Amino acid sequence: MLAFRVNPPHKSAMAKKPDDIEKLSFEKALGELEEIVRKLESGAAELEASIELYERGAALKAHCEAKLKSAQEKIEKIVVGGDGKPATQAARFD
């Protein structure tokens, strides 16, 4: 009789973004993401380490995207109102 054991998903795959990533600035997260890409592209990391790097990279990418979206939502542009006075309105990025 054959028996199969199913391993649970990798611990880091089940978790949301680690707290340390949540605390990173956009610039620091992007820098770490770029370093992960360099390591993965070099092919020097072993399989398990590559998987962990990829998972962290995915979390960093999501963090950077969220930071950019938040920044875009905060940006306003200065316009001239109908009365000739300057006013602000939300900027559009489409």
N, C-alpha and C. Protein backbone atom coordinates (compact mmCIF):
# COMPACT_ATOMS: atom_id res chain seq x y z
N MET A 1 0.84 -1.18 0.00
CA MET A 1 0.00 0.00 0.00
C MET A 1 0.89 1.24 0.00
N LEU A 2 0.59 2.17 -0.88
CA LEU A 2 1.33 3.42 -0.95
C LEU A 2 0.67 4.47 -0.08
N ALA A 3 1.49 5.24 0.59
CA ALA A 3 0.97 6.34 1.41
C ALA A 3 1.72 7.61 1.01
N PHE A 4 0.99 8.67 0.92
CA PHE A 4 1.60 9.95 0.59
C PHE A 4 1.39 10.91 1.73
N ARG A 5 2.41 11.68 1.97
CA ARG A 5 2.32 12.70 3.00
C ARG A 5 2.37 14.06 2.32
N VAL A 6 1.42 14.91 2.62
CA VAL A 6 1.40 16.24 2.04
C VAL A 6 2.02 17.20 3.04
N ASN A 7 3.07 17.86 2.60
CA ASN A 7 3.72 18.84 3.47
C ASN A 7 2.91 20.12 3.48
N PRO A 8 2.81 20.76 4.65
CA PRO A 8 2.10 22.05 4.69
C PRO A 8 2.86 23.08 3.88
N PRO A 9 2.17 24.15 3.45
CA PRO A 9 2.87 25.21 2.70
C PRO A 9 4.03 25.76 3.51
N HIS A 10 5.03 26.25 2.79
CA HIS A 10 6.20 26.85 3.42
C HIS A 10 5.74 27.96 4.37
N LYS A 11 6.34 28.03 5.54
CA LYS A 11 5.95 28.99 6.57
C LYS A 11 5.86 30.42 6.05
N SER A 12 6.88 30.87 5.31
CA SER A 12 6.86 32.25 4.86
C SER A 12 5.84 32.47 3.75
N ALA A 13 5.43 31.43 3.05
CA ALA A 13 4.41 31.58 2.03
C ALA A 13 3.04 31.83 2.65
N MET A 14 2.84 31.35 3.87
CA MET A 14 1.55 31.51 4.54
C MET A 14 1.44 32.88 5.21
N ALA A 15 2.55 33.45 5.53
CA ALA A 15 2.54 34.70 6.29
C ALA A 15 2.32 35.89 5.37
N LYS A 16 1.80 36.96 5.97
CA LYS A 16 1.72 38.21 5.24
C LYS A 16 3.10 38.84 5.26
N LYS A 17 3.17 40.10 4.83
CA LYS A 17 4.47 40.77 4.82
C LYS A 17 5.05 40.77 6.23
N PRO A 18 6.32 40.42 6.35
CA PRO A 18 6.96 40.47 7.67
C PRO A 18 6.96 41.90 8.21
N ASP A 19 6.92 41.99 9.53
CA ASP A 19 6.89 43.31 10.18
C ASP A 19 8.08 44.16 9.78
N ASP A 20 9.25 43.54 9.59
CA ASP A 20 10.41 44.35 9.23
C ASP A 20 10.23 45.01 7.87
N ILE A 21 9.52 44.38 6.97
CA ILE A 21 9.27 45.00 5.66
C ILE A 21 8.30 46.17 5.82
N GLU A 22 7.28 46.00 6.63
CA GLU A 22 6.30 47.07 6.85
C GLU A 22 6.97 48.35 7.34
N LYS A 23 8.08 48.22 8.04
CA LYS A 23 8.75 49.38 8.63
C LYS A 23 9.75 50.04 7.67
N LEU A 24 10.02 49.40 6.53
CA LEU A 24 11.02 49.94 5.60
C LEU A 24 10.48 51.12 4.80
N SER A 25 11.34 52.07 4.55
CA SER A 25 11.00 53.15 3.63
C SER A 25 10.97 52.57 2.22
N PHE A 26 10.38 53.31 1.30
CA PHE A 26 10.35 52.87 -0.09
C PHE A 26 11.76 52.64 -0.61
N GLU A 27 12.65 53.59 -0.34
CA GLU A 27 14.02 53.51 -0.86
C GLU A 27 14.78 52.29 -0.32
N LYS A 28 14.63 52.02 0.97
CA LYS A 28 15.32 50.86 1.56
C LYS A 28 14.74 49.56 1.02
N ALA A 29 13.41 49.49 0.89
CA ALA A 29 12.78 48.28 0.36
C ALA A 29 13.20 48.05 -1.08
N LEU A 30 13.24 49.11 -1.88
CA LEU A 30 13.65 48.98 -3.27
C LEU A 30 15.11 48.53 -3.36
N GLY A 31 15.96 49.09 -2.52
CA GLY A 31 17.37 48.68 -2.52
C GLY A 31 17.53 47.21 -2.18
N GLU A 32 16.78 46.74 -1.19
CA GLU A 32 16.86 45.33 -0.82
C GLU A 32 16.31 44.45 -1.95
N LEU A 33 15.23 44.90 -2.57
CA LEU A 33 14.65 44.15 -3.69
C LEU A 33 15.66 44.05 -4.84
N GLU A 34 16.35 45.13 -5.14
CA GLU A 34 17.36 45.10 -6.21
C GLU A 34 18.49 44.12 -5.87
N GLU A 35 18.88 44.08 -4.61
CA GLU A 35 19.93 43.14 -4.18
C GLU A 35 19.45 41.69 -4.33
N ILE A 36 18.20 41.42 -4.00
CA ILE A 36 17.63 40.08 -4.15
C ILE A 36 17.63 39.68 -5.63
N VAL A 37 17.24 40.61 -6.49
CA VAL A 37 17.23 40.32 -7.93
C VAL A 37 18.63 39.97 -8.41
N ARG A 38 19.63 40.72 -7.96
CA ARG A 38 21.02 40.42 -8.35
C ARG A 38 21.42 39.01 -7.90
N LYS A 39 21.07 38.66 -6.66
CA LYS A 39 21.43 37.32 -6.14
C LYS A 39 20.73 36.22 -6.94
N LEU A 40 19.46 36.42 -7.24
CA LEU A 40 18.72 35.40 -7.99
C LEU A 40 19.24 35.28 -9.41
N GLU A 41 19.55 36.40 -10.03
CA GLU A 41 20.05 36.37 -11.41
C GLU A 41 21.44 35.74 -11.51
N SER A 42 22.21 35.84 -10.44
CA SER A 42 23.56 35.26 -10.47
C SER A 42 23.51 33.74 -10.44
N GLY A 43 22.43 33.17 -9.91
CA GLY A 43 22.29 31.73 -9.84
C GLY A 43 23.14 31.08 -8.77
N ALA A 44 23.76 31.88 -7.90
CA ALA A 44 24.66 31.35 -6.89
C ALA A 44 23.94 30.74 -5.69
N ALA A 45 22.70 31.16 -5.45
CA ALA A 45 21.97 30.67 -4.28
C ALA A 45 21.42 29.27 -4.53
N GLU A 46 21.43 28.46 -3.49
CA GLU A 46 20.85 27.12 -3.59
C GLU A 46 19.33 27.24 -3.71
N LEU A 47 18.69 26.14 -4.08
CA LEU A 47 17.26 26.15 -4.36
C LEU A 47 16.43 26.69 -3.20
N GLU A 48 16.62 26.17 -2.00
CA GLU A 48 15.81 26.61 -0.86
C GLU A 48 16.04 28.09 -0.56
N ALA A 49 17.29 28.51 -0.63
CA ALA A 49 17.60 29.93 -0.40
C ALA A 49 16.98 30.79 -1.50
N SER A 50 16.98 30.30 -2.73
CA SER A 50 16.37 31.04 -3.83
C SER A 50 14.87 31.21 -3.62
N ILE A 51 14.24 30.17 -3.14
CA ILE A 51 12.79 30.25 -2.87
C ILE A 51 12.51 31.29 -1.79
N GLU A 52 13.31 31.27 -0.72
CA GLU A 52 13.13 32.26 0.35
C GLU A 52 13.40 33.67 -0.15
N LEU A 53 14.44 33.83 -0.96
CA LEU A 53 14.73 35.15 -1.53
C LEU A 53 13.57 35.62 -2.41
N TYR A 54 13.05 34.72 -3.23
CA TYR A 54 11.94 35.06 -4.11
C TYR A 54 10.71 35.50 -3.31
N GLU A 55 10.40 34.77 -2.24
CA GLU A 55 9.25 35.11 -1.40
C GLU A 55 9.43 36.48 -0.75
N ARG A 56 10.64 36.74 -0.26
CA ARG A 56 10.90 38.04 0.36
C ARG A 56 10.83 39.14 -0.72
N GLY A 57 11.37 38.84 -1.89
CA GLY A 57 11.31 39.80 -2.99
C GLY A 57 9.88 40.14 -3.37
N ALA A 58 9.01 39.14 -3.38
CA ALA A 58 7.59 39.37 -3.71
C ALA A 58 6.95 40.28 -2.65
N ALA A 59 7.29 40.05 -1.39
CA ALA A 59 6.75 40.90 -0.31
C ALA A 59 7.29 42.32 -0.42
N LEU A 60 8.56 42.45 -0.76
CA LEU A 60 9.15 43.79 -0.93
C LEU A 60 8.52 44.52 -2.11
N LYS A 61 8.28 43.80 -3.19
CA LYS A 61 7.64 44.39 -4.37
C LYS A 61 6.25 44.91 -4.02
N ALA A 62 5.49 44.10 -3.30
CA ALA A 62 4.14 44.52 -2.89
C ALA A 62 4.21 45.75 -1.99
N HIS A 63 5.19 45.78 -1.10
CA HIS A 63 5.37 46.92 -0.19
C HIS A 63 5.70 48.18 -0.99
N CYS A 64 6.60 48.07 -1.96
CA CYS A 64 6.97 49.23 -2.78
C CYS A 64 5.76 49.73 -3.58
N GLU A 65 5.01 48.80 -4.15
CA GLU A 65 3.83 49.20 -4.91
C GLU A 65 2.82 49.93 -4.03
N ALA A 66 2.62 49.43 -2.80
CA ALA A 66 1.69 50.08 -1.87
C ALA A 66 2.17 51.48 -1.50
N LYS A 67 3.48 51.62 -1.28
CA LYS A 67 4.04 52.94 -0.95
C LYS A 67 3.84 53.91 -2.11
N LEU A 68 4.08 53.45 -3.34
CA LEU A 68 3.90 54.32 -4.50
C LEU A 68 2.44 54.72 -4.67
N LYS A 69 1.54 53.78 -4.50
CA LYS A 69 0.11 54.08 -4.64
C LYS A 69 -0.31 55.11 -3.59
N SER A 70 0.16 54.93 -2.37
CA SER A 70 -0.15 55.87 -1.30
C SER A 70 0.38 57.26 -1.62
N ALA A 71 1.59 57.33 -2.15
CA ALA A 71 2.18 58.63 -2.51
C ALA A 71 1.37 59.28 -3.63
N GLN A 72 0.97 58.51 -4.62
CA GLN A 72 0.19 59.06 -5.72
C GLN A 72 -1.13 59.62 -5.23
N GLU A 73 -1.75 58.95 -4.27
CA GLU A 73 -3.03 59.41 -3.75
C GLU A 73 -2.89 60.72 -2.97
N LYS A 74 -1.71 60.99 -2.46
CA LYS A 74 -1.48 62.20 -1.66
C LYS A 74 -1.09 63.40 -2.52
N ILE A 75 -0.64 63.15 -3.73
CA ILE A 75 -0.16 64.24 -4.57
C ILE A 75 -1.34 65.05 -5.10
N GLU A 76 -1.22 66.34 -4.99
CA GLU A 76 -2.22 67.24 -5.53
C GLU A 76 -1.56 68.15 -6.55
N LYS A 77 -2.34 68.61 -7.47
CA LYS A 77 -1.78 69.55 -8.43
C LYS A 77 -2.40 70.92 -8.18
N ILE A 78 -1.65 71.94 -8.51
CA ILE A 78 -2.12 73.31 -8.35
C ILE A 78 -2.80 73.73 -9.64
N VAL A 79 -3.99 74.24 -9.52
CA VAL A 79 -4.75 74.69 -10.69
C VAL A 79 -5.24 76.10 -10.44
N VAL A 80 -5.65 76.76 -11.48
CA VAL A 80 -6.24 78.08 -11.36
C VAL A 80 -7.76 77.89 -11.40
N GLY A 81 -8.41 78.34 -10.35
CA GLY A 81 -9.86 78.21 -10.26
C GLY A 81 -10.57 79.17 -11.21
N GLY A 82 -11.88 79.00 -11.32
CA GLY A 82 -12.69 79.86 -12.17
C GLY A 82 -12.60 81.33 -11.79
N ASP A 83 -12.29 81.59 -10.52
CA ASP A 83 -12.18 82.96 -10.05
C ASP A 83 -10.76 83.53 -10.23
N GLY A 84 -9.88 82.72 -10.87
CA GLY A 84 -8.53 83.18 -11.12
C GLY A 84 -7.58 82.94 -9.96
N LYS A 85 -8.07 82.39 -8.86
CA LYS A 85 -7.22 82.12 -7.69
C LYS A 85 -6.69 80.69 -7.76
N PRO A 86 -5.49 80.51 -7.20
CA PRO A 86 -4.93 79.14 -7.20
C PRO A 86 -5.72 78.24 -6.25
N ALA A 87 -5.84 76.99 -6.65
CA ALA A 87 -6.51 75.97 -5.84
C ALA A 87 -5.78 74.65 -6.07
N THR A 88 -6.12 73.66 -5.30
CA THR A 88 -5.52 72.35 -5.50
C THR A 88 -6.62 71.32 -5.78
N GLN A 89 -6.22 70.30 -6.50
CA GLN A 89 -7.11 69.17 -6.73
C GLN A 89 -6.24 67.92 -6.87
N ALA A 90 -6.86 66.79 -6.65
CA ALA A 90 -6.10 65.54 -6.71
C ALA A 90 -5.51 65.37 -8.11
N ALA A 91 -4.27 64.91 -8.16
CA ALA A 91 -3.61 64.65 -9.43
C ALA A 91 -4.12 63.35 -10.00
N ARG A 92 -4.13 63.24 -11.31
CA ARG A 92 -4.54 62.00 -11.99
C ARG A 92 -3.33 61.39 -12.67
N PHE A 93 -3.23 60.08 -12.62
CA PHE A 93 -2.08 59.39 -13.19
C PHE A 93 -2.51 58.35 -14.22
N ASP A 94 -3.44 58.71 -15.10
CA ASP A 94 -3.84 57.75 -16.11
C ASP A 94 -3.49 58.20 -17.48
